[in-house]
């Protein structure tokens, strides 16, 4: 079971507090709630994950989609207080490149990420990365995607797959099966 609440932070961003399991049903609820926030013009969102016991592939895919939608609207999605067991999955799937480490809601609201050297991850600069699939492979017309399926990382490459971003650069994607959800590049117009 997943409990969600929305609070306003003093910086003006919306804080969504998730407690419980982000399984398939939880992923749908989080996606619906955050989509409503973006539709209402509240496109700067912090997801407080300190109470999350489980985060499945569908939830991770929902977070990537919500991040892309918030960016297209000129905002952002930042994850705060991600538990270590969930953070490890983010790191193994390269989603830590899209979601830098924020130890608490205040850090996420202000954009003060923990540097990669402190978080134990060897990737990323510790700052918010707005590029899609930064450093995640390139090739004209040949994309790559990383997927989480049943807790395993699967890497796929092929001419039939098109990565997001310019020049066919790949981006992390997560899926409960063979279909990945690749993030779209953020809108250049702000």
N, C-alpha and C. Protein backbone atom coordinates (compact mmCIF):
# COMPACT_ATOMS: atom_id res chain seq x y z
N UNK A 1 0.84 -1.18 0.00
CA UNK A 1 0.00 0.00 0.00
C UNK A 1 0.89 1.24 0.00
N UNK A 2 0.46 2.26 -0.71
CA UNK A 2 1.22 3.49 -0.83
C UNK A 2 0.38 4.65 -0.34
N UNK A 3 0.96 5.47 0.51
CA UNK A 3 0.31 6.70 0.96
C UNK A 3 1.05 7.87 0.33
N UNK A 4 0.27 8.82 -0.21
CA UNK A 4 0.84 10.01 -0.83
C UNK A 4 0.22 11.25 -0.21
N UNK A 5 1.06 12.26 0.00
CA UNK A 5 0.54 13.56 0.42
C UNK A 5 1.35 14.63 -0.30
N UNK A 6 0.74 15.78 -0.50
CA UNK A 6 1.39 16.89 -1.18
C UNK A 6 1.45 18.06 -0.22
N UNK A 7 2.64 18.64 -0.12
CA UNK A 7 2.85 19.79 0.75
C UNK A 7 3.51 20.88 -0.08
N UNK A 8 3.34 22.12 0.34
CA UNK A 8 4.02 23.23 -0.30
C UNK A 8 5.29 23.53 0.50
N UNK A 9 6.40 23.65 -0.19
CA UNK A 9 7.66 24.00 0.45
C UNK A 9 7.81 25.51 0.44
N UNK A 10 8.57 26.06 1.37
CA UNK A 10 8.74 27.51 1.46
C UNK A 10 9.37 28.10 0.21
N UNK A 11 10.07 27.29 -0.59
CA UNK A 11 10.67 27.77 -1.84
C UNK A 11 9.65 27.84 -2.97
N UNK A 12 8.45 27.34 -2.74
CA UNK A 12 7.41 27.37 -3.76
C UNK A 12 7.23 26.07 -4.51
N UNK A 13 8.12 25.12 -4.32
CA UNK A 13 7.95 23.85 -5.02
C UNK A 13 6.94 22.97 -4.27
N UNK A 14 6.42 21.99 -4.99
CA UNK A 14 5.51 21.02 -4.38
C UNK A 14 6.33 19.85 -3.87
N UNK A 15 6.04 19.40 -2.67
CA UNK A 15 6.71 18.23 -2.09
C UNK A 15 5.68 17.10 -2.01
N UNK A 16 5.96 16.03 -2.73
CA UNK A 16 5.11 14.84 -2.69
C UNK A 16 5.80 13.86 -1.77
N UNK A 17 5.12 13.48 -0.70
CA UNK A 17 5.68 12.54 0.28
C UNK A 17 5.07 11.17 0.00
N UNK A 18 5.95 10.21 -0.32
CA UNK A 18 5.51 8.84 -0.61
C UNK A 18 5.94 7.93 0.54
N UNK A 19 4.99 7.13 1.03
CA UNK A 19 5.28 6.18 2.10
C UNK A 19 4.68 4.83 1.71
N UNK A 20 5.52 3.81 1.68
CA UNK A 20 5.05 2.47 1.34
C UNK A 20 5.78 1.92 0.14
N UNK A 21 5.06 1.18 -0.70
CA UNK A 21 5.67 0.50 -1.83
C UNK A 21 5.27 1.14 -3.14
N UNK A 22 6.29 1.45 -3.95
CA UNK A 22 6.05 1.98 -5.29
C UNK A 22 6.06 0.80 -6.27
N UNK A 23 5.01 -0.02 -6.17
CA UNK A 23 4.85 -1.15 -7.08
C UNK A 23 4.03 -0.67 -8.28
N UNK A 24 3.44 -1.56 -9.04
CA UNK A 24 2.68 -1.18 -10.23
C UNK A 24 1.55 -0.21 -9.87
N UNK A 25 0.75 -0.55 -8.88
CA UNK A 25 -0.36 0.33 -8.48
C UNK A 25 0.17 1.65 -7.93
N UNK A 26 1.22 1.58 -7.12
CA UNK A 26 1.82 2.79 -6.57
C UNK A 26 2.39 3.68 -7.65
N UNK A 27 3.00 3.07 -8.68
CA UNK A 27 3.56 3.84 -9.79
C UNK A 27 2.48 4.64 -10.50
N UNK A 28 1.34 4.00 -10.71
CA UNK A 28 0.22 4.70 -11.36
C UNK A 28 -0.27 5.88 -10.52
N UNK A 29 -0.35 5.67 -9.22
CA UNK A 29 -0.81 6.75 -8.33
C UNK A 29 0.16 7.92 -8.31
N UNK A 30 1.47 7.61 -8.23
CA UNK A 30 2.48 8.67 -8.23
C UNK A 30 2.45 9.43 -9.55
N UNK A 31 2.39 8.70 -10.66
CA UNK A 31 2.35 9.34 -11.97
C UNK A 31 1.13 10.24 -12.10
N UNK A 32 -0.04 9.72 -11.70
CA UNK A 32 -1.27 10.52 -11.77
C UNK A 32 -1.17 11.78 -10.92
N UNK A 33 -0.67 11.63 -9.70
CA UNK A 33 -0.57 12.77 -8.78
C UNK A 33 0.39 13.83 -9.31
N UNK A 34 1.55 13.40 -9.77
CA UNK A 34 2.54 14.36 -10.26
C UNK A 34 2.13 14.96 -11.61
N UNK A 35 1.45 14.19 -12.45
CA UNK A 35 0.91 14.74 -13.70
C UNK A 35 -0.11 15.84 -13.40
N UNK A 36 -0.95 15.62 -12.38
CA UNK A 36 -1.92 16.66 -11.99
C UNK A 36 -1.20 17.92 -11.53
N UNK A 37 -0.13 17.75 -10.76
CA UNK A 37 0.63 18.91 -10.29
C UNK A 37 1.19 19.70 -11.47
N UNK A 38 1.79 19.01 -12.43
CA UNK A 38 2.36 19.70 -13.60
C UNK A 38 1.25 20.38 -14.39
N UNK A 39 0.10 19.72 -14.55
CA UNK A 39 -1.03 20.32 -15.26
C UNK A 39 -1.54 21.58 -14.58
N UNK A 40 -1.42 21.61 -13.26
CA UNK A 40 -1.85 22.79 -12.48
C UNK A 40 -0.80 23.89 -12.46
N UNK A 41 0.33 23.67 -13.16
CA UNK A 41 1.38 24.67 -13.18
C UNK A 41 2.38 24.54 -12.04
N UNK A 42 2.27 23.49 -11.26
CA UNK A 42 3.22 23.23 -10.17
C UNK A 42 4.26 22.25 -10.69
N UNK A 43 5.17 22.78 -11.54
CA UNK A 43 6.11 21.93 -12.26
C UNK A 43 7.47 21.80 -11.60
N UNK A 44 7.64 22.35 -10.41
CA UNK A 44 8.86 22.13 -9.62
C UNK A 44 8.47 21.21 -8.47
N UNK A 45 8.90 19.94 -8.59
CA UNK A 45 8.42 18.91 -7.68
C UNK A 45 9.57 18.19 -7.00
N UNK A 46 9.45 18.01 -5.70
CA UNK A 46 10.36 17.17 -4.93
C UNK A 46 9.56 15.95 -4.47
N UNK A 47 10.08 14.76 -4.76
CA UNK A 47 9.46 13.53 -4.28
C UNK A 47 10.27 13.05 -3.08
N UNK A 48 9.68 13.12 -1.90
CA UNK A 48 10.33 12.65 -0.67
C UNK A 48 10.14 11.14 -0.60
N UNK A 49 11.23 10.41 -0.79
CA UNK A 49 11.18 8.95 -0.83
C UNK A 49 11.68 8.31 0.46
N UNK A 50 11.82 9.08 1.51
CA UNK A 50 12.37 8.55 2.77
C UNK A 50 11.54 7.40 3.33
N UNK A 51 10.26 7.35 3.03
CA UNK A 51 9.40 6.28 3.54
C UNK A 51 9.10 5.19 2.53
N UNK A 52 9.86 5.14 1.43
CA UNK A 52 9.61 4.14 0.39
C UNK A 52 10.36 2.86 0.72
N UNK A 53 9.61 1.76 0.81
CA UNK A 53 10.19 0.46 1.13
C UNK A 53 10.60 -0.32 -0.12
N UNK A 54 9.94 -0.03 -1.25
CA UNK A 54 10.19 -0.77 -2.49
C UNK A 54 9.91 0.16 -3.65
N UNK A 55 10.73 0.08 -4.69
CA UNK A 55 10.52 0.87 -5.90
C UNK A 55 10.71 -0.04 -7.09
N UNK A 56 9.63 -0.37 -7.76
CA UNK A 56 9.67 -1.27 -8.90
C UNK A 56 10.00 -0.57 -10.20
N UNK A 57 10.19 -1.34 -11.24
CA UNK A 57 10.55 -0.82 -12.56
C UNK A 57 9.49 0.13 -13.10
N UNK A 58 8.22 -0.18 -12.86
CA UNK A 58 7.15 0.69 -13.37
C UNK A 58 7.21 2.06 -12.70
N UNK A 59 7.54 2.09 -11.42
CA UNK A 59 7.65 3.37 -10.71
C UNK A 59 8.83 4.16 -11.22
N UNK A 60 9.94 3.49 -11.48
CA UNK A 60 11.10 4.19 -12.01
C UNK A 60 10.79 4.78 -13.38
N UNK A 61 10.08 4.03 -14.20
CA UNK A 61 9.67 4.53 -15.50
C UNK A 61 8.75 5.74 -15.35
N UNK A 62 7.83 5.68 -14.38
CA UNK A 62 6.93 6.81 -14.13
C UNK A 62 7.71 8.05 -13.70
N UNK A 63 8.76 7.86 -12.91
CA UNK A 63 9.58 8.99 -12.47
C UNK A 63 10.31 9.63 -13.65
N UNK A 64 10.82 8.81 -14.56
CA UNK A 64 11.51 9.33 -15.74
C UNK A 64 10.52 10.13 -16.60
N UNK A 65 9.32 9.59 -16.80
CA UNK A 65 8.31 10.30 -17.60
C UNK A 65 7.89 11.59 -16.94
N UNK A 66 7.69 11.58 -15.63
CA UNK A 66 7.29 12.79 -14.92
C UNK A 66 8.38 13.83 -14.98
N UNK A 67 9.63 13.41 -14.85
CA UNK A 67 10.75 14.35 -14.94
C UNK A 67 10.76 15.04 -16.31
N UNK A 68 10.55 14.25 -17.37
CA UNK A 68 10.53 14.82 -18.72
C UNK A 68 9.38 15.81 -18.88
N UNK A 69 8.23 15.46 -18.37
CA UNK A 69 7.06 16.34 -18.49
C UNK A 69 7.28 17.64 -17.71
N UNK A 70 7.83 17.54 -16.51
CA UNK A 70 8.10 18.74 -15.72
C UNK A 70 9.12 19.63 -16.43
N UNK A 71 10.14 19.03 -17.03
CA UNK A 71 11.14 19.81 -17.74
C UNK A 71 10.56 20.50 -18.97
N UNK A 72 9.67 19.81 -19.69
CA UNK A 72 9.02 20.44 -20.84
C UNK A 72 8.21 21.66 -20.42
N UNK A 73 7.70 21.62 -19.20
CA UNK A 73 6.91 22.74 -18.67
C UNK A 73 7.81 23.81 -18.05
N UNK A 74 9.14 23.60 -18.06
CA UNK A 74 10.06 24.57 -17.50
C UNK A 74 10.45 24.31 -16.06
N UNK A 75 10.05 23.17 -15.51
CA UNK A 75 10.34 22.85 -14.11
C UNK A 75 11.30 21.69 -13.97
N UNK A 76 11.14 20.94 -12.90
CA UNK A 76 12.01 19.81 -12.62
C UNK A 76 11.34 18.85 -11.63
N UNK A 77 11.89 17.64 -11.57
CA UNK A 77 11.53 16.65 -10.57
C UNK A 77 12.82 16.22 -9.90
N UNK A 78 12.88 16.35 -8.59
CA UNK A 78 14.04 15.93 -7.82
C UNK A 78 13.59 14.94 -6.76
N UNK A 79 14.40 13.91 -6.54
CA UNK A 79 14.10 12.89 -5.55
C UNK A 79 14.91 13.16 -4.29
N UNK A 80 14.24 13.17 -3.16
CA UNK A 80 14.91 13.45 -1.88
C UNK A 80 14.90 12.22 -1.00
N UNK A 81 15.98 12.02 -0.25
CA UNK A 81 16.09 10.98 0.77
C UNK A 81 15.76 9.60 0.22
N UNK A 82 16.34 9.27 -0.93
CA UNK A 82 16.12 7.95 -1.52
C UNK A 82 16.84 6.92 -0.66
N UNK A 83 16.12 5.91 -0.17
CA UNK A 83 16.75 4.89 0.67
C UNK A 83 17.88 4.18 -0.06
N UNK A 84 18.91 3.72 0.66
CA UNK A 84 20.07 3.09 0.03
C UNK A 84 19.73 1.93 -0.91
N UNK A 85 18.78 1.08 -0.55
CA UNK A 85 18.44 -0.06 -1.41
C UNK A 85 17.83 0.40 -2.74
N UNK A 86 17.10 1.50 -2.73
CA UNK A 86 16.53 2.05 -3.96
C UNK A 86 17.62 2.79 -4.74
N UNK A 87 18.46 3.54 -4.05
CA UNK A 87 19.55 4.29 -4.69
C UNK A 87 20.46 3.34 -5.46
N UNK A 88 20.74 2.14 -4.90
CA UNK A 88 21.60 1.18 -5.59
C UNK A 88 21.00 0.76 -6.93
N UNK A 89 19.68 0.59 -6.98
CA UNK A 89 19.03 0.23 -8.24
C UNK A 89 19.16 1.38 -9.23
N UNK A 90 19.00 2.62 -8.75
CA UNK A 90 19.17 3.78 -9.61
C UNK A 90 20.59 3.81 -10.18
N UNK A 91 21.57 3.51 -9.37
CA UNK A 91 22.97 3.51 -9.82
C UNK A 91 23.24 2.40 -10.82
N UNK A 92 22.71 1.20 -10.57
CA UNK A 92 22.93 0.08 -11.49
C UNK A 92 22.27 0.30 -12.84
N UNK A 93 21.22 1.08 -12.89
CA UNK A 93 20.50 1.33 -14.13
C UNK A 93 20.85 2.67 -14.75
N UNK A 94 21.83 3.35 -14.19
CA UNK A 94 22.28 4.67 -14.66
C UNK A 94 21.23 5.77 -14.50
N UNK A 95 20.17 5.51 -13.76
CA UNK A 95 19.18 6.56 -13.52
C UNK A 95 19.69 7.60 -12.54
N UNK A 96 20.78 7.30 -11.85
CA UNK A 96 21.37 8.30 -10.96
C UNK A 96 21.90 9.48 -11.76
N UNK A 97 22.12 9.30 -13.06
CA UNK A 97 22.52 10.42 -13.92
C UNK A 97 21.37 11.39 -14.11
N UNK A 98 20.15 10.89 -14.12
CA UNK A 98 18.98 11.75 -14.26
C UNK A 98 18.51 12.31 -12.93
N UNK A 99 18.77 11.54 -11.86
CA UNK A 99 18.32 11.91 -10.53
C UNK A 99 19.49 12.00 -9.57
N UNK A 100 20.14 13.17 -9.49
CA UNK A 100 21.25 13.32 -8.54
C UNK A 100 20.78 13.06 -7.12
N UNK A 101 21.73 12.86 -6.23
CA UNK A 101 21.42 12.51 -4.84
C UNK A 101 21.16 13.77 -4.01
N UNK A 102 19.95 13.84 -3.47
CA UNK A 102 19.57 14.90 -2.52
C UNK A 102 19.25 14.22 -1.20
N UNK A 103 20.00 14.50 -0.15
CA UNK A 103 19.82 13.77 1.11
C UNK A 103 18.52 14.08 1.84
N UNK A 104 17.93 15.24 1.55
CA UNK A 104 16.69 15.62 2.24
C UNK A 104 15.89 16.58 1.37
N UNK A 105 14.67 16.89 1.81
CA UNK A 105 13.78 17.76 1.04
C UNK A 105 14.37 19.15 0.87
N UNK A 106 14.96 19.70 1.91
CA UNK A 106 15.53 21.06 1.83
C UNK A 106 16.62 21.13 0.76
N UNK A 107 17.49 20.13 0.69
CA UNK A 107 18.55 20.10 -0.32
C UNK A 107 17.96 19.99 -1.72
N UNK A 108 16.95 19.15 -1.89
CA UNK A 108 16.32 18.99 -3.19
C UNK A 108 15.60 20.27 -3.61
N UNK A 109 14.91 20.91 -2.69
CA UNK A 109 14.17 22.13 -3.02
C UNK A 109 15.12 23.24 -3.45
N UNK A 110 16.31 23.28 -2.86
CA UNK A 110 17.26 24.33 -3.20
C UNK A 110 18.24 23.92 -4.30
N UNK A 111 18.22 22.63 -4.70
CA UNK A 111 19.08 22.15 -5.76
C UNK A 111 20.50 21.83 -5.32
N UNK A 112 20.70 21.60 -4.04
CA UNK A 112 22.04 21.28 -3.52
C UNK A 112 22.21 19.76 -3.43
N UNK A 113 22.71 19.19 -4.53
CA UNK A 113 22.92 17.74 -4.58
C UNK A 113 24.22 17.37 -3.89
N UNK A 114 24.29 16.14 -3.43
CA UNK A 114 25.52 15.60 -2.85
C UNK A 114 26.44 15.26 -4.01
N UNK A 115 27.70 15.72 -3.98
CA UNK A 115 28.64 15.38 -5.06
C UNK A 115 28.78 13.87 -5.21
N UNK A 116 29.04 13.43 -6.43
CA UNK A 116 29.14 12.01 -6.73
C UNK A 116 30.18 11.32 -5.87
N UNK A 117 31.29 12.00 -5.57
CA UNK A 117 32.34 11.38 -4.77
C UNK A 117 31.88 11.10 -3.35
N UNK A 118 30.93 11.89 -2.86
CA UNK A 118 30.40 11.69 -1.51
C UNK A 118 29.34 10.60 -1.50
N UNK A 119 28.56 10.52 -2.57
CA UNK A 119 27.46 9.56 -2.60
C UNK A 119 27.93 8.15 -2.90
N UNK A 120 29.19 8.01 -3.30
CA UNK A 120 29.70 6.67 -3.59
C UNK A 120 29.51 6.27 -5.02
N UNK A 121 28.88 7.10 -5.81
CA UNK A 121 28.68 6.79 -7.22
C UNK A 121 29.84 7.36 -8.01
N UNK A 122 30.29 6.65 -8.99
CA UNK A 122 31.39 7.13 -9.81
C UNK A 122 30.93 7.95 -10.99
N UNK A 123 29.63 8.19 -11.14
CA UNK A 123 29.15 8.92 -12.29
C UNK A 123 28.47 10.19 -11.88
N UNK A 124 28.39 11.10 -12.82
CA UNK A 124 27.69 12.36 -12.59
C UNK A 124 28.58 13.37 -11.93
N UNK A 125 28.13 14.62 -11.97
CA UNK A 125 28.92 15.69 -11.39
C UNK A 125 28.37 16.12 -10.05
N UNK A 126 27.26 15.55 -9.64
CA UNK A 126 26.65 15.93 -8.37
C UNK A 126 25.64 17.03 -8.55
N UNK A 127 25.65 17.70 -9.68
CA UNK A 127 24.69 18.77 -9.93
C UNK A 127 23.52 18.23 -10.72
N UNK A 128 22.52 19.04 -10.87
CA UNK A 128 21.35 18.65 -11.65
C UNK A 128 21.75 18.55 -13.10
N UNK A 129 21.49 17.42 -13.74
CA UNK A 129 21.80 17.26 -15.15
C UNK A 129 20.51 17.35 -15.92
N UNK A 130 20.47 18.28 -16.85
CA UNK A 130 19.26 18.46 -17.64
C UNK A 130 19.34 17.75 -18.97
N UNK A 131 20.51 17.29 -19.38
CA UNK A 131 20.64 16.58 -20.63
C UNK A 131 20.07 15.19 -20.52
N UNK A 132 19.66 14.65 -21.62
CA UNK A 132 19.09 13.32 -21.63
C UNK A 132 20.18 12.32 -21.94
N UNK A 133 20.34 11.34 -21.08
CA UNK A 133 21.29 10.28 -21.32
C UNK A 133 22.73 10.77 -21.38
N UNK A 134 23.07 11.75 -20.59
CA UNK A 134 24.42 12.31 -20.61
C UNK A 134 25.44 11.21 -20.43
N UNK A 135 26.29 11.04 -21.43
CA UNK A 135 27.34 10.03 -21.35
C UNK A 135 26.83 8.61 -21.49
N UNK A 136 25.63 8.44 -21.99
CA UNK A 136 25.05 7.10 -22.03
C UNK A 136 25.17 6.44 -23.39
N UNK A 137 26.17 6.81 -24.16
CA UNK A 137 26.37 6.16 -25.45
C UNK A 137 25.89 7.04 -26.58
N UNK A 138 26.47 6.89 -27.73
CA UNK A 138 26.10 7.72 -28.86
C UNK A 138 26.29 6.93 -30.13
N UNK A 139 25.77 7.48 -31.19
CA UNK A 139 25.93 6.89 -32.50
C UNK A 139 24.83 7.38 -33.38
N UNK A 140 25.16 7.77 -34.58
CA UNK A 140 24.15 8.31 -35.48
C UNK A 140 23.15 7.22 -35.84
N UNK A 141 21.94 7.43 -35.41
CA UNK A 141 20.85 6.51 -35.73
C UNK A 141 20.84 5.22 -34.93
N UNK A 142 21.81 4.99 -34.08
CA UNK A 142 21.83 3.78 -33.28
C UNK A 142 21.77 4.18 -31.83
N UNK A 143 20.67 3.88 -31.16
CA UNK A 143 20.50 4.26 -29.76
C UNK A 143 20.79 3.10 -28.86
N UNK A 144 20.89 3.38 -27.59
CA UNK A 144 21.03 2.32 -26.61
C UNK A 144 20.12 2.64 -25.46
N UNK A 145 19.70 1.63 -24.77
CA UNK A 145 18.81 1.84 -23.62
C UNK A 145 19.18 0.84 -22.54
N UNK A 146 19.09 1.28 -21.32
CA UNK A 146 19.26 0.38 -20.19
C UNK A 146 17.89 0.18 -19.58
N UNK A 147 17.57 -1.02 -19.23
CA UNK A 147 16.25 -1.29 -18.69
C UNK A 147 16.37 -2.09 -17.40
N UNK A 148 15.39 -1.89 -16.53
CA UNK A 148 15.28 -2.70 -15.34
C UNK A 148 14.10 -3.62 -15.57
N UNK A 149 14.34 -4.88 -15.56
CA UNK A 149 13.28 -5.85 -15.75
C UNK A 149 13.51 -6.95 -14.75
N UNK A 150 12.60 -7.11 -13.84
CA UNK A 150 12.72 -8.13 -12.80
C UNK A 150 14.01 -7.96 -12.00
N UNK A 151 14.43 -6.71 -11.77
CA UNK A 151 15.58 -6.44 -10.94
C UNK A 151 16.92 -6.59 -11.63
N UNK A 152 16.95 -6.88 -12.95
CA UNK A 152 18.20 -7.04 -13.67
C UNK A 152 18.38 -5.86 -14.62
N UNK A 153 19.62 -5.53 -14.88
CA UNK A 153 19.91 -4.51 -15.87
C UNK A 153 20.14 -5.19 -17.21
N UNK A 154 19.47 -4.69 -18.21
CA UNK A 154 19.58 -5.25 -19.54
C UNK A 154 19.99 -4.12 -20.47
N UNK A 155 20.99 -4.33 -21.28
CA UNK A 155 21.42 -3.30 -22.22
C UNK A 155 21.06 -3.77 -23.61
N UNK A 156 20.43 -2.86 -24.36
CA UNK A 156 20.03 -3.21 -25.71
C UNK A 156 20.59 -2.18 -26.66
N UNK A 157 21.05 -2.62 -27.82
CA UNK A 157 21.49 -1.74 -28.88
C UNK A 157 20.95 -2.30 -30.18
N UNK A 158 20.65 -1.42 -31.08
CA UNK A 158 20.22 -1.90 -32.37
C UNK A 158 19.75 -0.78 -33.24
N UNK A 159 19.83 -0.98 -34.54
CA UNK A 159 19.42 0.05 -35.48
C UNK A 159 17.93 0.30 -35.38
N UNK A 160 17.15 -0.67 -34.91
CA UNK A 160 15.72 -0.49 -34.80
C UNK A 160 15.30 0.34 -33.61
N UNK A 161 16.22 0.58 -32.66
CA UNK A 161 15.89 1.38 -31.49
C UNK A 161 16.41 2.79 -31.70
N UNK A 162 15.62 3.74 -31.31
CA UNK A 162 16.04 5.12 -31.44
C UNK A 162 16.14 5.72 -30.07
N UNK A 163 17.30 6.19 -29.69
CA UNK A 163 17.49 6.83 -28.40
C UNK A 163 16.98 8.25 -28.43
N UNK A 164 16.70 8.82 -27.25
CA UNK A 164 16.26 10.20 -27.17
C UNK A 164 17.46 11.11 -27.25
N UNK A 165 17.23 12.33 -27.66
CA UNK A 165 18.31 13.31 -27.71
C UNK A 165 18.82 13.43 -29.13
N UNK A 166 19.79 14.30 -29.34
CA UNK A 166 20.29 14.54 -30.67
C UNK A 166 21.36 13.53 -31.03
N UNK A 167 21.48 13.25 -32.32
CA UNK A 167 22.52 12.36 -32.80
C UNK A 167 22.32 10.91 -32.40
N UNK A 168 21.14 10.54 -31.93
CA UNK A 168 20.87 9.16 -31.58
C UNK A 168 21.45 8.76 -30.24
N UNK A 169 21.81 9.73 -29.40
CA UNK A 169 22.36 9.38 -28.09
C UNK A 169 21.32 8.63 -27.29
N UNK A 170 21.72 7.59 -26.63
CA UNK A 170 20.80 6.77 -25.86
C UNK A 170 20.46 7.41 -24.54
N UNK A 171 19.42 6.91 -23.93
CA UNK A 171 19.04 7.40 -22.61
C UNK A 171 18.57 6.23 -21.79
N UNK A 172 18.73 6.32 -20.48
CA UNK A 172 18.24 5.24 -19.64
C UNK A 172 16.74 5.08 -19.79
N UNK A 173 16.28 3.87 -19.75
CA UNK A 173 14.85 3.61 -19.80
C UNK A 173 14.57 2.46 -18.85
N UNK A 174 13.38 2.42 -18.32
CA UNK A 174 13.01 1.31 -17.46
C UNK A 174 11.73 0.71 -17.95
N UNK A 175 11.59 -0.57 -17.72
CA UNK A 175 10.44 -1.26 -18.25
C UNK A 175 10.17 -2.50 -17.44
N UNK A 176 8.92 -2.88 -17.39
CA UNK A 176 8.57 -4.13 -16.76
C UNK A 176 8.68 -5.28 -17.74
N UNK A 177 8.98 -4.98 -18.98
CA UNK A 177 9.11 -5.99 -20.01
C UNK A 177 10.11 -5.54 -21.04
N UNK A 178 9.79 -5.79 -22.31
CA UNK A 178 10.71 -5.44 -23.37
C UNK A 178 10.58 -4.01 -23.85
N UNK A 179 9.49 -3.33 -23.51
CA UNK A 179 9.28 -1.97 -23.98
C UNK A 179 9.87 -0.99 -22.99
N UNK A 180 10.84 -0.22 -23.39
CA UNK A 180 11.44 0.81 -22.55
C UNK A 180 10.71 2.12 -22.71
N UNK A 181 10.78 2.98 -21.72
CA UNK A 181 10.21 4.30 -21.80
C UNK A 181 11.38 5.27 -21.78
N UNK A 182 11.72 5.80 -22.93
CA UNK A 182 12.86 6.71 -23.01
C UNK A 182 12.38 8.12 -22.75
N UNK A 183 13.19 8.85 -22.04
CA UNK A 183 12.85 10.23 -21.72
C UNK A 183 13.08 11.11 -22.93
N UNK A 184 12.21 12.08 -23.12
CA UNK A 184 12.36 13.04 -24.19
C UNK A 184 13.23 14.19 -23.70
N UNK A 185 13.91 14.86 -24.64
CA UNK A 185 14.76 15.98 -24.23
C UNK A 185 13.91 17.12 -23.70
N UNK A 186 14.47 17.90 -22.76
CA UNK A 186 13.73 19.03 -22.21
C UNK A 186 13.53 20.10 -23.27
N UNK A 187 12.46 20.84 -23.14
CA UNK A 187 12.15 21.91 -24.05
C UNK A 187 13.21 23.00 -23.94
N UNK A 188 13.62 23.55 -25.08
CA UNK A 188 14.61 24.62 -25.07
C UNK A 188 13.96 25.95 -24.75
N UNK A 189 12.67 26.09 -24.99
CA UNK A 189 11.97 27.36 -24.69
C UNK A 189 11.55 27.38 -23.24
N UNK A 190 11.93 28.38 -22.54
CA UNK A 190 11.56 28.50 -21.13
C UNK A 190 10.81 29.77 -20.90
